[in-house]
C-alpha atoms as a PDB file:
ATOM      1  CA  UNK A   1      94.467 100.958 103.064  1.00  0.00           C
ATOM      2  CA  UNK A   2      91.847 103.048 101.239  1.00  0.00           C
ATOM      3  CA  UNK A   3      91.851 105.610 104.054  1.00  0.00           C
ATOM      4  CA  UNK A   4      95.646 105.702 103.979  1.00  0.00           C
ATOM      5  CA  UNK A   5      95.490 106.441 100.259  1.00  0.00           C
ATOM      6  CA  UNK A   6      92.943 109.186 100.877  1.00  0.00           C
ATOM      7  CA  UNK A   7      95.173 110.854 103.474  1.00  0.00           C
ATOM      8  CA  UNK A   8      98.236 110.562 101.236  1.00  0.00           C
ATOM      9  CA  UNK A   9      96.259 112.439  98.584  1.00  0.00           C
ATOM     10  CA  UNK A  10      96.025 115.570 100.761  1.00  0.00           C
ATOM     11  CA  UNK A  11      99.676 116.696 100.416  1.00  0.00           C
ATOM     12  CA  UNK A  12      99.676 115.693  96.755  1.00  0.00           C
ATOM     13  CA  UNK A  13      96.739 117.950  95.896  1.00  0.00           C
ATOM     14  CA  UNK A  14      97.850 120.690  98.277  1.00  0.00           C
ATOM     15  CA  UNK A  15     101.161 120.981  96.425  1.00  0.00           C
ATOM     16  CA  UNK A  16      99.732 120.552  92.936  1.00  0.00           C
ATOM     17  CA  UNK A  17      96.806 122.937  93.462  1.00  0.00           C
ATOM     18  CA  UNK A  18      98.280 125.672  95.651  1.00  0.00           C
ATOM     19  CA  UNK A  19     102.032 125.912  95.117  1.00  0.00           C
ATOM     20  CA  UNK A  20     101.643 128.556  92.416  1.00  0.00           C
ATOM     21  CA  UNK A  21      99.314 130.662  94.564  1.00  0.00           C
ATOM     22  CA  UNK A  22     101.586 130.344  97.598  1.00  0.00           C
ATOM     23  CA  UNK A  23     104.728 131.198  95.659  1.00  0.00           C
ATOM     24  CA  UNK A  24     103.041 134.192  94.022  1.00  0.00           C
ATOM     25  CA  UNK A  25     101.302 135.589  97.098  1.00  0.00           C
ATOM     26  CA  UNK A  26     103.895 134.849  99.776  1.00  0.00           C
ATOM     27  CA  UNK A  27     107.220 134.601  97.979  1.00  0.00           C
ATOM     28  CA  UNK A  28     106.624 136.979  95.080  1.00  0.00           C
ATOM     29  CA  UNK A  29     107.556 134.211  92.665  1.00  0.00           C
ATOM     30  CA  UNK A  30     106.377 133.999  89.115  1.00  0.00           C
ATOM     31  CA  UNK A  31     104.844 131.343  86.944  1.00  0.00           C
ATOM     32  CA  UNK A  32     108.228 129.904  85.976  1.00  0.00           C
ATOM     33  CA  UNK A  33     109.188 129.175  89.593  1.00  0.00           C
ATOM     34  CA  UNK A  34     105.791 127.622  90.287  1.00  0.00           C
ATOM     35  CA  UNK A  35     105.955 125.609  87.084  1.00  0.00           C
ATOM     36  CA  UNK A  36     109.386 124.209  87.878  1.00  0.00           C
ATOM     37  CA  UNK A  37     108.347 123.328  91.440  1.00  0.00           C
ATOM     38  CA  UNK A  38     105.220 121.495  90.318  1.00  0.00           C
ATOM     39  CA  UNK A  39     107.102 119.866  87.429  1.00  0.00           C
ATOM     40  CA  UNK A  40     109.637 118.430  89.885  1.00  0.00           C
ATOM     41  CA  UNK A  41     106.799 117.105  92.033  1.00  0.00           C
ATOM     42  CA  UNK A  42     104.965 115.591  89.052  1.00  0.00           C
ATOM     43  CA  UNK A  43     107.858 114.188  87.025  1.00  0.00           C
ATOM     44  CA  UNK A  44     109.801 113.121  90.107  1.00  0.00           C
ATOM     45  CA  UNK A  45     106.675 111.536  91.545  1.00  0.00           C
ATOM     46  CA  UNK A  46     106.071 109.656  88.294  1.00  0.00           C
ATOM     47  CA  UNK A  47     109.642 108.372  88.238  1.00  0.00           C
ATOM     48  CA  UNK A  48     109.354 107.407  91.919  1.00  0.00           C
ATOM     49  CA  UNK A  49     106.098 105.516  91.233  1.00  0.00           C
ATOM     50  CA  UNK A  50     107.851 103.438  88.586  1.00  0.00           C
ATOM     51  CA  UNK A  51     110.942 102.902  90.754  1.00  0.00           C
ATOM     52  CA  UNK A  52     108.965 101.877  93.857  1.00  0.00           C
ATOM     53  CA  UNK A  53     106.707  99.631  91.773  1.00  0.00           C
ATOM     54  CA  UNK A  54     109.650  97.839  90.221  1.00  0.00           C
ATOM     55  CA  UNK A  55     111.500  97.609  93.518  1.00  0.00           C
ATOM     56  CA  UNK A  56     108.519  96.275  95.459  1.00  0.00           C
ATOM     57  CA  UNK A  57     107.611  93.834  92.700  1.00  0.00           C
ATOM     58  CA  UNK A  58     111.030  92.269  93.214  1.00  0.00           C
ATOM     59  CA  UNK A  59     111.154  92.459  97.010  1.00  0.00           C
ATOM     60  CA  UNK A  60     107.482  92.155  97.951  1.00  0.00           C
ATOM     61  CA  UNK A  61     107.600  94.817 100.656  1.00  0.00           C
ATOM     62  CA  UNK A  62     104.979  97.283  99.415  1.00  0.00           C
ATOM     63  CA  UNK A  63     103.642  97.988 102.881  1.00  0.00           C
ATOM     64  CA  UNK A  64     107.062  99.018 104.169  1.00  0.00           C
ATOM     65  CA  UNK A  65     107.579 101.339 101.217  1.00  0.00           C
ATOM     66  CA  UNK A  66     104.090 102.800 101.538  1.00  0.00           C
ATOM     67  CA  UNK A  67     104.591 103.548 105.217  1.00  0.00           C
ATOM     68  CA  UNK A  68     108.025 104.998 104.485  1.00  0.00           C
ATOM     69  CA  UNK A  69     106.596 107.280 101.810  1.00  0.00           C
ATOM     70  CA  UNK A  70     103.935 108.431 104.270  1.00  0.00           C
ATOM     71  CA  UNK A  71     106.559 109.316 106.868  1.00  0.00           C
ATOM     72  CA  UNK A  72     108.905 111.020 104.401  1.00  0.00           C
ATOM     73  CA  UNK A  73     106.148 112.978 102.655  1.00  0.00           C
ATOM     74  CA  UNK A  74     104.782 114.029 106.035  1.00  0.00           C
ATOM     75  CA  UNK A  75     108.173 115.190 107.247  1.00  0.00           C
ATOM     76  CA  UNK A  76     108.838 117.064 103.992  1.00  0.00           C
ATOM     77  CA  UNK A  77     105.506 118.868 104.238  1.00  0.00           C
ATOM     78  CA  UNK A  78     106.067 119.688 107.915  1.00  0.00           C
ATOM     79  CA  UNK A  79     109.468 121.045 106.855  1.00  0.00           C
ATOM     80  CA  UNK A  80     107.738 123.145 104.174  1.00  0.00           C
ATOM     81  CA  UNK A  81     105.458 124.487 106.912  1.00  0.00           C
ATOM     82  CA  UNK A  82     108.386 125.307 109.162  1.00  0.00           C
ATOM     83  CA  UNK A  83     110.236 126.896 106.230  1.00  0.00           C
ATOM     84  CA  UNK A  84     107.348 129.024 104.952  1.00  0.00           C
ATOM     85  CA  UNK A  85     109.249 132.193 105.858  1.00  0.00           C
ATOM     86  CA  UNK A  86     112.688 130.848 104.884  1.00  0.00           C
ATOM     87  CA  UNK A  87     114.458 132.054 101.750  1.00  0.00           C
ATOM     88  CA  UNK A  88     112.494 131.062  98.654  1.00  0.00           C
ATOM     89  CA  UNK A  89     114.922 128.392  97.339  1.00  0.00           C
ATOM     90  CA  UNK A  90     114.743 126.527 100.647  1.00  0.00           C
ATOM     91  CA  UNK A  91     110.935 126.666 100.806  1.00  0.00           C
ATOM     92  CA  UNK A  92     110.649 125.630  97.150  1.00  0.00           C
ATOM     93  CA  UNK A  93     112.954 122.666  97.747  1.00  0.00           C
ATOM     94  CA  UNK A  94     110.807 121.448 100.645  1.00  0.00           C
ATOM     95  CA  UNK A  95     107.590 121.841  98.623  1.00  0.00           C
ATOM     96  CA  UNK A  96     109.044 120.148  95.532  1.00  0.00           C
ATOM     97  CA  UNK A  97     110.394 117.240  97.580  1.00  0.00           C
ATOM     98  CA  UNK A  98     107.157 116.926  99.562  1.00  0.00           C
ATOM     99  CA  UNK A  99     105.170 116.999  96.336  1.00  0.00           C
ATOM    100  CA  UNK A 100     107.432 114.410  94.718  1.00  0.00           C
ATOM    101  CA  UNK A 101     106.974 112.042  97.656  1.00  0.00           C
ATOM    102  CA  UNK A 102     103.243 112.746  97.817  1.00  0.00           C
ATOM    103  CA  UNK A 103     102.988 111.722  94.156  1.00  0.00           C
ATOM    104  CA  UNK A 104     104.966 108.495  94.526  1.00  0.00           C
ATOM    105  CA  UNK A 105     102.707 106.103  96.422  1.00  0.00           C
ATOM    106  CA  UNK A 106      99.849 105.253  94.032  1.00  0.00           C
ATOM    107  CA  UNK A 107     101.090 102.147  92.285  1.00  0.00           C
ATOM    108  CA  UNK A 108     102.148 100.287  95.378  1.00  0.00           C
ATOM    109  CA  UNK A 109      99.003 101.225  97.342  1.00  0.00           C
ATOM    110  CA  UNK A 110      96.682 100.150  94.535  1.00  0.00           C
ATOM    111  CA  UNK A 111      98.589  96.903  94.076  1.00  0.00           C
ATOM    112  CA  UNK A 112      98.667  96.209  97.797  1.00  0.00           C
ATOM    113  CA  UNK A 113      94.954  96.823  98.356  1.00  0.00           C
ATOM    114  CA  UNK A 114      94.177  94.391  95.542  1.00  0.00           C
ATOM    115  CA  UNK A 115      96.519  91.840  97.105  1.00  0.00           C
ATOM    116  CA  UNK A 116      94.929  92.343 100.531  1.00  0.00           C
ATOM    117  CA  UNK A 117      91.447  91.860  99.108  1.00  0.00           C
ATOM    118  CA  UNK A 118      92.366  88.764  97.140  1.00  0.00           C
ATOM    119  CA  UNK A 119      91.258  87.857  93.632  1.00  0.00           C
ATOM    120  CA  UNK A 120      87.558  87.648  94.486  1.00  0.00           C
ATOM    121  CA  UNK A 121      87.392  91.184  95.889  1.00  0.00           C
ATOM    122  CA  UNK A 122      90.208  93.009  94.092  1.00  0.00           C
ATOM    123  CA  UNK A 123      87.816  94.991  91.908  1.00  0.00           C
ATOM    124  CA  UNK A 124      85.848  96.189  94.918  1.00  0.00           C
ATOM    125  CA  UNK A 125      89.034  97.116  96.757  1.00  0.00           C
ATOM    126  CA  UNK A 126      90.363  99.041  93.754  1.00  0.00           C
ATOM    127  CA  UNK A 127      87.028 100.814  93.414  1.00  0.00           C
ATOM    128  CA  UNK A 128      87.121 101.718  97.102  1.00  0.00           C
ATOM    129  CA  UNK A 129      90.626 103.188  97.043  1.00  0.00           C
ATOM    130  CA  UNK A 130      89.913 104.976  93.779  1.00  0.00           C
ATOM    131  CA  UNK A 131      86.778 106.523  95.246  1.00  0.00           C
ATOM    132  CA  UNK A 132      88.483 107.670  98.454  1.00  0.00           C
ATOM    133  CA  UNK A 133      91.460 109.089  96.559  1.00  0.00           C
ATOM    134  CA  UNK A 134      89.305 110.987  94.071  1.00  0.00           C
ATOM    135  CA  UNK A 135      86.992 112.268  96.824  1.00  0.00           C
ATOM    136  CA  UNK A 136      89.913 113.690  98.777  1.00  0.00           C
ATOM    137  CA  UNK A 137      91.457 114.978  95.559  1.00  0.00           C
ATOM    138  CA  UNK A 138      88.216 116.885  95.019  1.00  0.00           C
ATOM    139  CA  UNK A 139      87.838 118.092  98.615  1.00  0.00           C
ATOM    140  CA  UNK A 140      91.412 119.195  99.336  1.00  0.00           C
ATOM    141  CA  UNK A 141      91.391 122.184  96.940  1.00  0.00           C
ATOM    142  CA  UNK A 142      87.992 123.206  98.318  1.00  0.00           C
ATOM    143  CA  UNK A 143      89.111 123.062 101.953  1.00  0.00           C
ATOM    144  CA  UNK A 144      92.471 124.828 101.675  1.00  0.00           C
ATOM    145  CA  UNK A 145      90.889 128.267 101.128  1.00  0.00           C
ATOM    146  CA  UNK A 146      88.781 127.660 104.245  1.00  0.00           C
ATOM    147  CA  UNK A 147      91.959 126.933 106.203  1.00  0.00           C
ATOM    148  CA  UNK A 148      93.558 130.073 104.776  1.00  0.00           C
ATOM    149  CA  UNK A 149      90.567 132.153 105.895  1.00  0.00           C
ATOM    150  CA  UNK A 150      91.269 131.137 109.489  1.00  0.00           C
ATOM    151  CA  UNK A 151      95.010 130.401 109.516  1.00  0.00           C
ATOM    152  CA  UNK A 152      98.205 130.755 107.476  1.00  0.00           C
ATOM    153  CA  UNK A 153     100.112 128.949 104.768  1.00  0.00           C
ATOM    154  CA  UNK A 154     102.177 127.382 107.527  1.00  0.00           C
ATOM    155  CA  UNK A 155      98.988 125.703 108.753  1.00  0.00           C
ATOM    156  CA  UNK A 156      98.106 124.539 105.229  1.00  0.00           C
ATOM    157  CA  UNK A 157     101.456 122.812 104.708  1.00  0.00           C
ATOM    158  CA  UNK A 158     101.467 121.474 108.296  1.00  0.00           C
ATOM    159  CA  UNK A 159      97.987 119.966 107.861  1.00  0.00           C
ATOM    160  CA  UNK A 160      99.108 118.353 104.600  1.00  0.00           C
ATOM    161  CA  UNK A 161     102.074 116.868 106.452  1.00  0.00           C
ATOM    162  CA  UNK A 162      99.842 115.704 109.300  1.00  0.00           C
ATOM    163  CA  UNK A 163      97.501 113.968 106.848  1.00  0.00           C
ATOM    164  CA  UNK A 164     100.428 112.071 105.390  1.00  0.00           C
ATOM    165  CA  UNK A 165     101.680 111.053 108.819  1.00  0.00           C
ATOM    166  CA  UNK A 166      98.175 109.950 109.855  1.00  0.00           C
ATOM    167  CA  UNK A 167      98.137 107.623 106.845  1.00  0.00           C
ATOM    168  CA  UNK A 168     101.070 105.607 108.190  1.00  0.00           C
ATOM    169  CA  UNK A 169      99.258 103.649 110.928  1.00  0.00           C
ATOM    170  CA  UNK A 170      96.344 103.029 108.556  1.00  0.00           C
ATOM    171  CA  UNK A 171      98.599 101.199 106.100  1.00  0.00           C
ATOM    172  CA  UNK A 172      98.958  97.687 107.529  1.00  0.00           C
ATOM    173  CA  UNK A 173     102.433  96.686 108.646  1.00  0.00           C
ATOM    174  CA  UNK A 174     104.099  93.507 107.463  1.00  0.00           C
ATOM    175  CA  UNK A 175     103.924  91.535 104.252  1.00  0.00           C
ATOM    176  CA  UNK A 176     101.098  89.839 102.419  1.00  0.00           C
ATOM    177  CA  UNK A 177     101.510  86.080 102.365  1.00  0.00           C
ATOM    178  CA  UNK A 178     100.968  84.334  99.061  1.00  0.00           C
ATOM    179  CA  UNK A 179      97.493  82.845  98.777  1.00  0.00           C
END
């Protein structure tokens, strides 16, 4: 679960850290376009975190939602990669939607890892996922320029999508039984 959270952090930080640079350098967009795109990802992601938290608290299917977010965020980022050269509004929509999804998983993943660990190890589990998420949040903005030195923006967005999709099998399937 901690590794899944780490991989889901890649598209989140890719969008938050590099959307403005991409839109400026590739699309000729200004700060306002970048700001609106990132704002949609951040505010939409925050609203989605609350919605998924409330929904999964009632239904108890955090794992299903987490895996679904991984798939949808991955597909949105792969779409952003495929649409890198598309008209700007289409590319921006894919990035904003991918960013929104990539910002929406935290609450349910943190809750689920604590539930998986049980009350005697919840603190350790939360520390583990927090450490992996923050490590990848630190590394992603450092590694993207390396990717850009050897590849294109299409590769950056595709790798972010791949990271999200790789998180899906790492998030356990099924429900946690009450202990």
